[in-house]
Structure formats: C-alpha cells, structure tokens
Amino acid sequence: MERRYEQQNPWLTFQHKVELNQLWAHMGEAHSKCQHLFGTPLQPGLADRLASVYLRKGALATTAIEGNTLSEEQLDDVLDRGRSLPRSQAYLQQEVENVLRALMVLDGTTLAEPFRLTPEWLQEQNRLILDGLELEEHAAPGRYTETQTVVGAYRSAPPEDVPYLIDRLCEWINDAFLVQAAKPDTADDLRFYLAFLAATFTHLYIAWIHPFGDGNGRTARLAQVAILSRSGAVPWVSANLLSDFYNRTRQHYYARLDAASKRGEVDEFLLYSAAGFVDMLREQIGDVQTVQRRTAWVNYVHETMRGEPSGKTKDRRRELALALPEEPTPRALLPRLNVDLAAAYASSERMLSRDLKRLLDLGLVRKLERGQWAANIRTIDAFKPILPAG
C-alpha cells in the first residue's frame, strides 16, 4: 500500500549512499595538523634540535630511496663530531651532504616573493644534488639528458622533448595551483590543498619525464619540499616528511609510481601520498608533544617543590623526581639513574627511603607493586580520553 509521503516527500527514502572521498579527508586532516604545528610553543633550543633531526631524516631518506646506506648515527658522527667516513664510503656522505645543502638553501630563502616553479630552478637543484659526485658519461649536474634513459622497465620521455615537457610542467603547476595559492584572499585550507596537489604532481611528473641523467628522484622530492615549505601552509619542519614516508614504504612507493604511469592511477598516488603525510604528521605531533610534556613536567616539579626548605636535601629530591622514568623501575636501580644520585645514595639506604616518602607525599612519584617506582608524570596529563571500564 502506497503511503501519502511517498508522493509528497519522496526524498524520505532511508537509502542514502554516502560517497566518502578519502583523498580529501586525508588532506583535510593534514591541513588541520599543520595548523596545530604552526606556532607550537617550544624553547628555541628544543625547536632547533627537532628541526635539525627532521632535516637530517629527510636528507637520509631521499638518498636511501636510491640506494644510499648511510645511517643516522654515521651522519651525526660526520656533522656533529667531525668524523670522516672511509674513502670507499665518501660518496655516500657527499650525496647526503648535497641534499642537506640544497634543503638549507630552501630554509634560508625569503618568503618575500611567492614560489614559482621554473626550468632554471629545477636545473639548479639538480646541480646542487649532483655536485662533486662521480656520474656516468651521459649525466651532467643541472643539464637535461641527451640520452634516452631506461629505469627498470620504465622508459623516460624522449630527450628531444624534455625541454618542452618541463616548460609545460612549470606552466601548468604555476597557473593551475601556485598562483591561486599565493593570493592573499585564498582561504587557508584551499591554500594547503593547492600546495599539496602542486607538490605531488610536480614530484610525479619529474619522475615520469626523468629530465636529467641522474638525481631525478632526489630533484623531484626536493621540488616537493620546496613547494610545500614555501606555500605558507606547511611548517618547514614538516615539509620533508614525505621523503621519509616514501623511504619507509619504498616498495609501495615504486609500485604506486609504476601504476600511475602504466595504468593511469594518479588518484591512487595522490591518496597514497596524502595518507602517508597524515601518518607522518601524527608521528611528528607525538614527538613535539613528548618534548612539551617533558618541559611541563620539569616546570611542575620545580613548582611543586618551591615550598620545600632550600638546601642539599631539596636539590637531591628534585634530581630524583626528574631522573625517575615514567616506566616502572626497581628500587634497587634508583641510585643508578645518574652519577649525582649514585654518589648521594652510596652510603645511605635510609636517605633514599626518606626521599621517596617525601616525593610520594608531594604526588611526584608512584609506588608500584614488587618494590617498583615511577615518576607520576601522568598527573599533568589533561583532556584524557574516557575509556570503557574493564
């Protein structure tokens, strides 16, 4: 039996099919996370240290994708401790240092003028990336290849078409994305979407065209970093995250590039990149929150102990509260947390007992089962999720 509403209100079907576009969902989350990172309060020294860590990770990642085996520890030895690698591995160091120099040039570039992609800029990045490296005869830093190249089963664009194709790429990226993104009245979310699409398409097309004799992947990923970092929509510390993601998922990265060219699955590459960017931003925000949480804990310990009588006892107890991990730690290991505590508790077990009792009374430590102790850092955690009982 037909009801009256079926004629009068036919939209009441109870059969809504919701089309969820994952790409836009991921880009929306990525934009939101970038906004959270802008202006994050961190002590300048800590912020600089985090930025340096991500800069190095990005440089290592973009070279590792193409076979560089230099580790983070080795790079730290070279840059922080002035050590040199064996001569047989010097080229690994040179590759990473070249990328670092190119990234630092980007970091030091003023934002006074909107970024525009040009053939000359791409050639200069390739020159920086390949500077001082031993190359095959057909490869020259910063110059388009004149030889047809084949990478695995992929045949690059014909050499005679490379200048035309790069000109077309730059014109398209600038006109379709970057000009609009740079307008003052462009909404922040649209600016991010335009920048992300411009960066990812540029990366993809440089990889497809393969305009240089060597260093095409590194040049493509450097262009991606440049577009993101100069967009005003992505913090510098986050602009290099995709290189790390591509390296971590290297096999999938190459498969997506291959599918994009052979089967036209460009949307899938965009989705892969957007989802990866979100994952890396989540991880980065977690790192930043860990640093912020530690800073807040140090301040809380000092504030809580402000009313304690000044002297060695107060200093020792504060040292113990700050040295104690959040993870359960056997009492027997507490004097070994650092050199100062080892010296302080070397001859007095009762002193340790008194200190722990006082810190427990102040709410700075937790006494756990089986004689274990932990810093009570969770006391400063706000807005914790409500979890189901049991």
Protein backbone atom coordinates (compact mmCIF):
# COMPACT_ATOMS: atom_id res chain seq x y z
CA MET A 1 0.00 0.00 0.00
CA GLU A 2 1.43 3.34 -1.05
CA ARG A 3 1.63 5.99 1.64
CA ARG A 4 0.96 9.65 1.11
CA TYR A 5 4.52 10.77 1.99
CA GLU A 6 5.89 8.74 -0.94
CA GLN A 7 4.28 11.25 -3.28
CA GLN A 8 4.54 14.35 -1.11
CA ASN A 9 8.00 13.77 0.41
CA PRO A 10 9.77 11.36 -1.97
CA TRP A 11 13.23 12.18 -0.56
CA LEU A 12 12.37 10.20 2.57
CA THR A 13 13.90 7.03 1.09
CA PHE A 14 16.02 5.74 4.02
CA GLN A 15 18.56 4.66 1.39
CA HIS A 16 21.29 7.30 1.42
CA LYS A 17 24.55 6.29 -0.22
CA VAL A 18 27.33 8.42 1.21
CA GLU A 19 30.32 8.95 -1.10
CA LEU A 20 33.36 9.39 1.11
CA ASN A 21 36.40 10.72 -0.71
CA GLN A 22 39.42 9.53 1.24
CA LEU A 23 41.83 11.87 -0.53
CA TRP A 24 40.01 14.99 0.65
CA ALA A 25 39.54 13.52 4.10
CA HIS A 26 43.29 12.91 4.40
CA MET A 27 44.15 16.35 3.04
CA GLY A 28 41.72 17.92 5.50
CA GLU A 29 43.37 16.16 8.41
CA ALA A 30 46.84 17.04 7.13
CA HIS A 31 45.86 20.71 6.85
CA SER A 32 44.48 20.65 10.40
CA LYS A 33 47.64 19.07 11.78
CA CYS A 34 49.85 21.61 10.01
CA GLN A 35 47.78 24.37 11.60
CA HIS A 36 48.32 22.76 15.01
CA LEU A 37 52.08 22.74 14.47
CA PHE A 38 52.30 26.40 13.45
CA GLY A 39 53.38 28.44 16.46
CA THR A 40 53.74 25.43 18.75
CA PRO A 41 55.34 26.74 21.97
CA LEU A 42 58.78 25.18 22.37
CA GLN A 43 62.00 26.51 23.82
CA PRO A 44 64.14 27.78 20.89
CA GLY A 45 66.89 25.25 21.57
CA LEU A 46 64.45 22.34 21.59
CA ALA A 47 62.70 23.59 18.45
CA ASP A 48 66.02 23.92 16.62
CA ARG A 49 67.03 20.43 17.72
CA LEU A 50 63.79 18.91 16.45
CA ALA A 51 64.07 20.80 13.16
CA SER A 52 67.63 19.51 12.71
CA VAL A 53 66.53 15.93 13.37
CA TYR A 54 63.80 16.10 10.72
CA LEU A 55 66.07 17.86 8.24
CA ARG A 56 68.63 15.07 8.53
CA LYS A 57 65.99 12.35 8.39
CA GLY A 58 64.63 13.81 5.18
CA ALA A 59 68.06 14.06 3.56
CA LEU A 60 68.91 10.50 4.54
CA ALA A 61 65.54 9.22 3.35
CA THR A 62 65.60 10.79 -0.11
CA THR A 63 69.06 9.35 -0.78
CA ALA A 64 68.25 5.98 0.82
CA ILE A 65 65.40 5.51 -1.66
CA GLU A 66 68.05 5.39 -4.37
CA GLY A 67 70.40 3.07 -2.51
CA ASN A 68 72.40 5.24 -0.11
CA THR A 69 73.14 3.21 3.05
CA LEU A 70 74.41 5.98 5.34
CA SER A 71 72.82 5.67 8.80
CA GLU A 72 71.60 8.41 11.13
CA GLU A 73 74.40 7.56 13.56
CA GLN A 74 77.04 7.87 10.83
CA LEU A 75 75.64 11.20 9.67
CA ASP A 76 75.62 12.50 13.25
CA ASP A 77 79.25 11.41 13.61
CA VAL A 78 80.16 13.36 10.48
CA LEU A 79 78.17 16.52 11.20
CA ASP A 80 78.36 16.76 15.00
CA ARG A 81 81.65 15.08 15.83
CA GLY A 82 83.69 15.89 12.73
CA ARG A 83 84.47 12.28 11.92
CA SER A 84 85.11 11.13 8.37
CA LEU A 85 83.91 8.00 6.66
CA PRO A 86 86.36 5.62 4.97
CA ARG A 87 87.31 6.81 1.49
CA SER A 88 85.32 3.97 -0.07
CA GLN A 89 82.15 5.40 1.55
CA ALA A 90 82.87 9.08 0.95
CA TYR A 91 80.37 9.25 -1.91
CA LEU A 92 77.57 8.26 0.49
CA GLN A 93 78.44 11.23 2.68
CA GLN A 94 78.67 13.51 -0.36
CA GLU A 95 75.20 12.50 -1.59
CA VAL A 96 73.56 13.26 1.74
CA GLU A 97 75.50 16.48 2.32
CA ASN A 98 74.49 17.72 -1.14
CA VAL A 99 70.82 17.22 -0.31
CA LEU A 100 71.30 18.88 3.09
CA ARG A 101 72.88 21.92 1.43
CA ALA A 102 70.01 22.19 -1.03
CA LEU A 103 67.49 21.92 1.81
CA MET A 104 69.30 24.58 3.85
CA VAL A 105 69.23 26.92 0.86
CA LEU A 106 65.46 26.43 0.80
CA ASP A 107 65.23 27.05 4.54
CA GLY A 108 67.17 30.29 4.20
CA THR A 109 65.15 31.59 1.25
CA THR A 110 62.96 34.60 1.98
CA LEU A 111 59.21 34.32 1.52
CA ALA A 112 59.01 37.87 0.16
CA GLU A 113 58.18 36.55 -3.31
CA PRO A 114 55.75 33.68 -3.99
CA PHE A 115 57.44 30.50 -5.14
CA ARG A 116 57.20 29.75 -8.84
CA LEU A 117 58.43 26.56 -10.45
CA THR A 118 60.84 27.25 -13.32
CA PRO A 119 63.11 25.11 -15.51
CA GLU A 120 66.09 27.09 -14.25
CA TRP A 121 65.19 26.38 -10.62
CA LEU A 122 64.88 22.65 -11.29
CA GLN A 123 68.22 22.63 -13.10
CA GLU A 124 69.88 24.40 -10.17
CA GLN A 125 68.50 21.86 -7.69
CA ASN A 126 69.83 19.01 -9.80
CA ARG A 127 73.20 20.74 -9.96
CA LEU A 128 73.32 21.04 -6.17
CA ILE A 129 72.27 17.41 -5.70
CA LEU A 130 74.90 16.01 -8.07
CA ASP A 131 77.74 18.39 -7.21
CA GLY A 132 81.06 16.59 -6.77
CA LEU A 133 79.68 13.10 -7.42
CA GLU A 134 81.09 10.61 -9.91
CA LEU A 135 78.49 10.25 -12.66
CA GLU A 136 78.02 8.27 -15.83
CA GLU A 137 79.06 9.95 -19.07
CA HIS A 138 75.52 10.87 -20.10
CA ALA A 139 74.83 12.69 -16.81
CA ALA A 140 75.90 16.27 -16.11
CA PRO A 141 74.78 18.20 -13.00
CA GLY A 142 71.99 20.64 -13.82
CA ARG A 143 71.77 19.75 -17.51
CA TYR A 144 68.99 17.90 -19.29
CA THR A 145 69.94 14.46 -20.51
CA GLU A 146 70.59 13.97 -24.22
CA THR A 147 70.33 10.19 -23.92
CA GLN A 148 67.21 8.06 -23.77
CA THR A 149 67.18 6.54 -20.29
CA VAL A 150 65.53 3.38 -19.03
CA VAL A 151 65.00 2.77 -15.31
CA GLY A 152 63.99 -0.83 -14.74
CA ALA A 153 61.13 -1.36 -17.17
CA TYR A 154 60.30 2.36 -17.38
CA ARG A 155 61.36 4.35 -20.43
CA SER A 156 61.68 8.07 -19.75
CA ALA A 157 60.48 10.84 -22.04
CA PRO A 158 62.41 11.30 -25.32
CA PRO A 159 65.41 13.61 -24.70
CA GLU A 160 64.38 15.97 -27.50
CA ASP A 161 61.02 16.53 -25.77
CA VAL A 162 62.42 17.17 -22.29
CA PRO A 163 62.76 21.00 -22.52
CA TYR A 164 59.22 21.28 -23.89
CA LEU A 165 57.78 18.94 -21.24
CA ILE A 166 59.49 20.74 -18.35
CA ASP A 167 58.26 24.09 -19.67
CA ARG A 168 54.72 22.65 -19.83
CA LEU A 169 55.03 21.24 -16.31
CA CYS A 170 56.14 24.57 -14.84
CA GLU A 171 53.42 26.48 -16.68
CA TRP A 172 50.73 24.04 -15.52
CA ILE A 173 51.83 23.92 -11.87
CA ASN A 174 52.12 27.69 -11.64
CA ASP A 175 48.89 28.59 -13.44
CA ALA A 176 46.68 25.83 -12.04
CA PHE A 177 47.92 25.80 -8.45
CA LEU A 178 50.64 28.15 -7.22
CA VAL A 179 49.25 31.47 -8.47
CA GLN A 180 45.92 30.85 -6.72
CA ALA A 181 47.64 29.51 -3.59
CA ALA A 182 49.70 32.70 -3.27
CA LYS A 183 46.76 35.11 -3.40
CA PRO A 184 46.22 36.89 -0.04
CA ASP A 185 42.48 36.22 -0.06
CA THR A 186 42.83 32.47 -0.63
CA ALA A 187 41.43 30.54 2.33
CA ASP A 188 43.99 28.67 4.41
CA ASP A 189 42.52 25.25 3.69
CA LEU A 190 42.37 25.89 -0.07
CA ARG A 191 45.96 27.16 0.01
CA PHE A 192 47.04 23.90 1.61
CA TYR A 193 45.12 21.75 -0.90
CA LEU A 194 46.58 23.66 -3.85
CA ALA A 195 50.11 23.42 -2.45
CA PHE A 196 49.82 19.71 -1.70
CA LEU A 197 48.46 18.92 -5.16
CA ALA A 198 51.09 21.10 -6.83
CA ALA A 199 53.89 19.46 -4.84
CA THR A 200 52.70 15.92 -5.51
CA PHE A 201 52.01 16.46 -9.21
CA THR A 202 55.44 18.08 -9.63
CA HIS A 203 57.08 15.12 -7.94
CA LEU A 204 55.14 12.68 -10.12
CA TYR A 205 55.82 14.44 -13.42
CA ILE A 206 59.54 14.91 -12.82
CA ALA A 207 59.75 11.20 -12.02
CA TRP A 208 57.85 10.47 -15.25
CA ILE A 209 59.78 12.85 -17.51
CA HIS A 210 63.16 11.96 -15.98
CA PRO A 211 64.78 15.09 -17.44
CA PHE A 212 68.28 14.63 -16.01
CA GLY A 213 70.95 11.99 -16.44
CA ASP A 214 70.94 11.29 -12.69
CA GLY A 215 69.31 12.51 -9.49
CA ASN A 216 65.78 12.74 -10.90
CA GLY A 217 64.13 11.22 -7.82
CA ARG A 218 66.03 13.49 -5.45
CA THR A 219 65.21 16.51 -7.62
CA ALA A 220 61.52 15.53 -7.69
CA ARG A 221 61.35 15.15 -3.92
CA LEU A 222 63.28 18.39 -3.36
CA ALA A 223 60.77 20.21 -5.56
CA GLN A 224 58.00 18.73 -3.44
CA VAL A 225 59.69 20.04 -0.28
CA ALA A 226 60.16 23.48 -1.85
CA ILE A 227 56.53 23.86 -2.88
CA LEU A 228 55.20 22.72 0.49
CA SER A 229 57.63 24.78 2.58
CA ARG A 230 57.18 27.97 0.51
CA SER A 231 53.39 27.70 0.43
CA GLY A 232 52.81 29.24 3.85
CA ALA A 233 50.54 26.28 4.58
CA VAL A 234 53.08 23.71 5.81
CA PRO A 235 55.67 24.28 8.58
CA TRP A 236 59.27 23.91 7.44
CA VAL A 237 59.81 21.12 9.96
CA SER A 238 57.02 19.13 8.25
CA ALA A 239 57.80 19.82 4.59
CA ASN A 240 60.33 16.98 4.39
CA LEU A 241 58.17 14.28 5.98
CA LEU A 242 57.04 12.75 2.71
CA SER A 243 60.60 11.80 1.75
CA ASP A 244 60.83 9.83 4.98
CA PHE A 245 57.46 8.21 4.29
CA TYR A 246 58.41 7.24 0.74
CA ASN A 247 61.61 5.67 2.04
CA ARG A 248 59.83 3.71 4.78
CA THR A 249 57.37 2.37 2.20
CA ARG A 250 59.88 2.20 -0.64
CA GLN A 251 58.45 -0.88 -2.35
CA HIS A 252 54.95 0.59 -2.26
CA TYR A 253 56.32 3.95 -3.46
CA TYR A 254 57.81 2.44 -6.60
CA ALA A 255 54.68 0.36 -7.18
CA ARG A 256 52.49 3.48 -6.97
CA LEU A 257 54.75 5.39 -9.36
CA ASP A 258 54.64 2.47 -11.77
CA ALA A 259 50.86 2.12 -11.56
CA ALA A 260 50.40 5.85 -12.09
CA SER A 261 52.25 5.73 -15.43
CA LYS A 262 51.14 2.32 -16.71
CA ARG A 263 47.52 2.29 -15.61
CA GLY A 264 46.82 5.96 -15.10
CA GLU A 265 46.29 5.51 -11.35
CA VAL A 266 47.21 9.09 -10.49
CA ASP A 267 44.48 9.42 -7.87
CA GLU A 268 45.90 6.38 -6.09
CA PHE A 269 49.34 8.02 -5.92
CA LEU A 270 47.77 11.19 -4.54
CA LEU A 271 45.85 9.16 -1.97
CA TYR A 272 48.97 7.19 -1.01
CA SER A 273 50.92 10.42 -0.51
CA ALA A 274 48.14 12.16 1.42
CA ALA A 275 47.62 9.20 3.75
CA GLY A 276 51.36 8.95 4.32
CA PHE A 277 51.65 12.66 5.05
CA VAL A 278 48.92 12.34 7.68
CA ASP A 279 50.68 9.38 9.30
CA MET A 280 53.98 11.25 9.43
CA LEU A 281 52.32 14.40 10.81
CA ARG A 282 50.69 12.34 13.56
CA GLU A 283 54.08 10.92 14.46
CA GLN A 284 55.69 14.35 14.39
CA ILE A 285 53.00 15.87 16.60
CA GLY A 286 53.57 12.98 19.00
CA ASP A 287 57.28 13.85 19.11
CA VAL A 288 56.50 17.51 19.74
CA GLN A 289 54.01 16.65 22.48
CA THR A 290 56.59 14.40 24.15
CA VAL A 291 59.02 17.33 24.30
CA GLN A 292 56.30 19.68 25.54
CA ARG A 293 55.20 17.15 28.16
CA ARG A 294 58.73 16.76 29.48
CA THR A 295 59.13 20.53 29.70
CA ALA A 296 55.81 20.83 31.53
CA TRP A 297 56.86 18.08 33.94
CA VAL A 298 60.14 19.80 34.79
CA ASN A 299 58.24 23.03 35.47
CA TYR A 300 55.66 21.18 37.56
CA VAL A 301 58.33 19.50 39.71
CA HIS A 302 60.01 22.84 40.35
CA GLU A 303 56.67 24.49 41.17
CA THR A 304 55.58 21.67 43.49
CA MET A 305 58.85 21.76 45.40
CA ARG A 306 59.01 25.53 45.68
CA GLY A 307 57.80 25.41 49.28
CA GLU A 308 60.39 22.83 50.38
CA PRO A 309 63.26 24.09 52.57
CA SER A 310 66.23 25.12 50.45
CA GLY A 311 69.38 23.05 50.61
CA LYS A 312 71.00 19.81 49.52
CA THR A 313 68.02 17.69 50.51
CA LYS A 314 65.65 19.63 48.28
CA ASP A 315 68.12 19.58 45.39
CA ARG A 316 68.65 15.82 45.73
CA ARG A 317 64.93 15.05 45.87
CA ARG A 318 64.25 17.23 42.86
CA GLU A 319 67.03 15.46 41.00
CA LEU A 320 65.48 12.09 41.85
CA ALA A 321 61.99 13.20 40.74
CA LEU A 322 63.31 14.43 37.39
CA ALA A 323 65.57 11.43 36.77
CA LEU A 324 62.96 8.80 37.59
CA PRO A 325 61.39 7.32 34.42
CA GLU A 326 57.66 7.07 33.91
CA GLU A 327 58.10 3.32 33.40
CA PRO A 328 58.22 1.04 36.49
CA THR A 329 61.75 0.99 37.90
CA PRO A 330 63.02 -1.35 40.66
CA ARG A 331 64.03 0.50 43.80
CA ALA A 332 67.49 -1.07 43.62
CA LEU A 333 68.13 0.78 40.35
CA LEU A 334 67.12 4.23 41.56
CA PRO A 335 70.58 5.21 42.84
CA ARG A 336 71.97 4.35 39.40
CA LEU A 337 69.77 6.75 37.46
CA ASN A 338 72.65 9.20 37.19
CA VAL A 339 76.08 9.90 38.66
CA ASP A 340 74.89 12.50 41.18
CA LEU A 341 72.26 10.18 42.64
CA ALA A 342 74.73 7.31 42.81
CA ALA A 343 77.08 9.46 44.88
CA ALA A 344 74.27 10.77 47.10
CA TYR A 345 72.80 7.37 47.97
CA ALA A 346 76.02 5.36 48.05
CA SER A 347 76.14 5.10 51.83
CA SER A 348 72.55 5.68 52.96
CA GLU A 349 69.61 3.45 52.08
CA ARG A 350 67.51 5.26 54.68
CA MET A 351 68.10 8.56 52.89
CA LEU A 352 66.59 7.10 49.72
CA SER A 353 63.59 5.86 51.73
CA ARG A 354 63.02 9.31 53.23
CA ASP A 355 63.33 10.99 49.84
CA LEU A 356 60.88 8.60 48.19
CA LYS A 357 58.37 9.05 51.01
CA ARG A 358 58.50 12.83 50.70
CA LEU A 359 58.17 12.73 46.90
CA LEU A 360 55.24 10.34 47.31
CA ASP A 361 53.58 12.78 49.71
CA LEU A 362 54.09 15.56 47.14
CA GLY A 363 52.48 13.44 44.42
CA LEU A 364 55.61 13.42 42.26
CA VAL A 365 56.25 9.66 42.30
CA ARG A 366 54.15 6.50 42.33
CA LYS A 367 54.84 3.39 44.41
CA LEU A 368 54.01 0.27 42.42
CA GLU A 369 53.91 -3.46 43.05
CA ARG A 370 57.03 -5.55 43.70
CA GLY A 371 59.05 -2.64 45.03
CA GLN A 372 58.95 -0.61 41.83
CA TRP A 373 58.67 3.14 41.48
CA ALA A 374 57.72 5.53 38.66
CA ALA A 375 57.55 9.25 38.03
CA ASN A 376 53.97 10.49 38.36
CA ILE A 377 54.08 12.40 35.07
CA ARG A 378 50.54 11.36 34.22
CA THR A 379 49.29 13.78 36.87
CA ILE A 380 49.85 16.65 34.41
CA ASP A 381 48.04 14.98 31.51
CA ALA A 382 44.87 16.89 30.67
CA PHE A 383 41.91 16.04 28.44
CA LYS A 384 42.49 12.30 28.62
CA PRO A 385 40.03 10.09 26.69
CA ILE A 386 37.25 8.41 28.62
CA LEU A 387 37.84 4.68 28.29
CA PRO A 388 35.28 1.93 28.93
CA ALA A 389 35.56 0.20 32.28
CA GLY A 390 37.25 -3.19 32.41
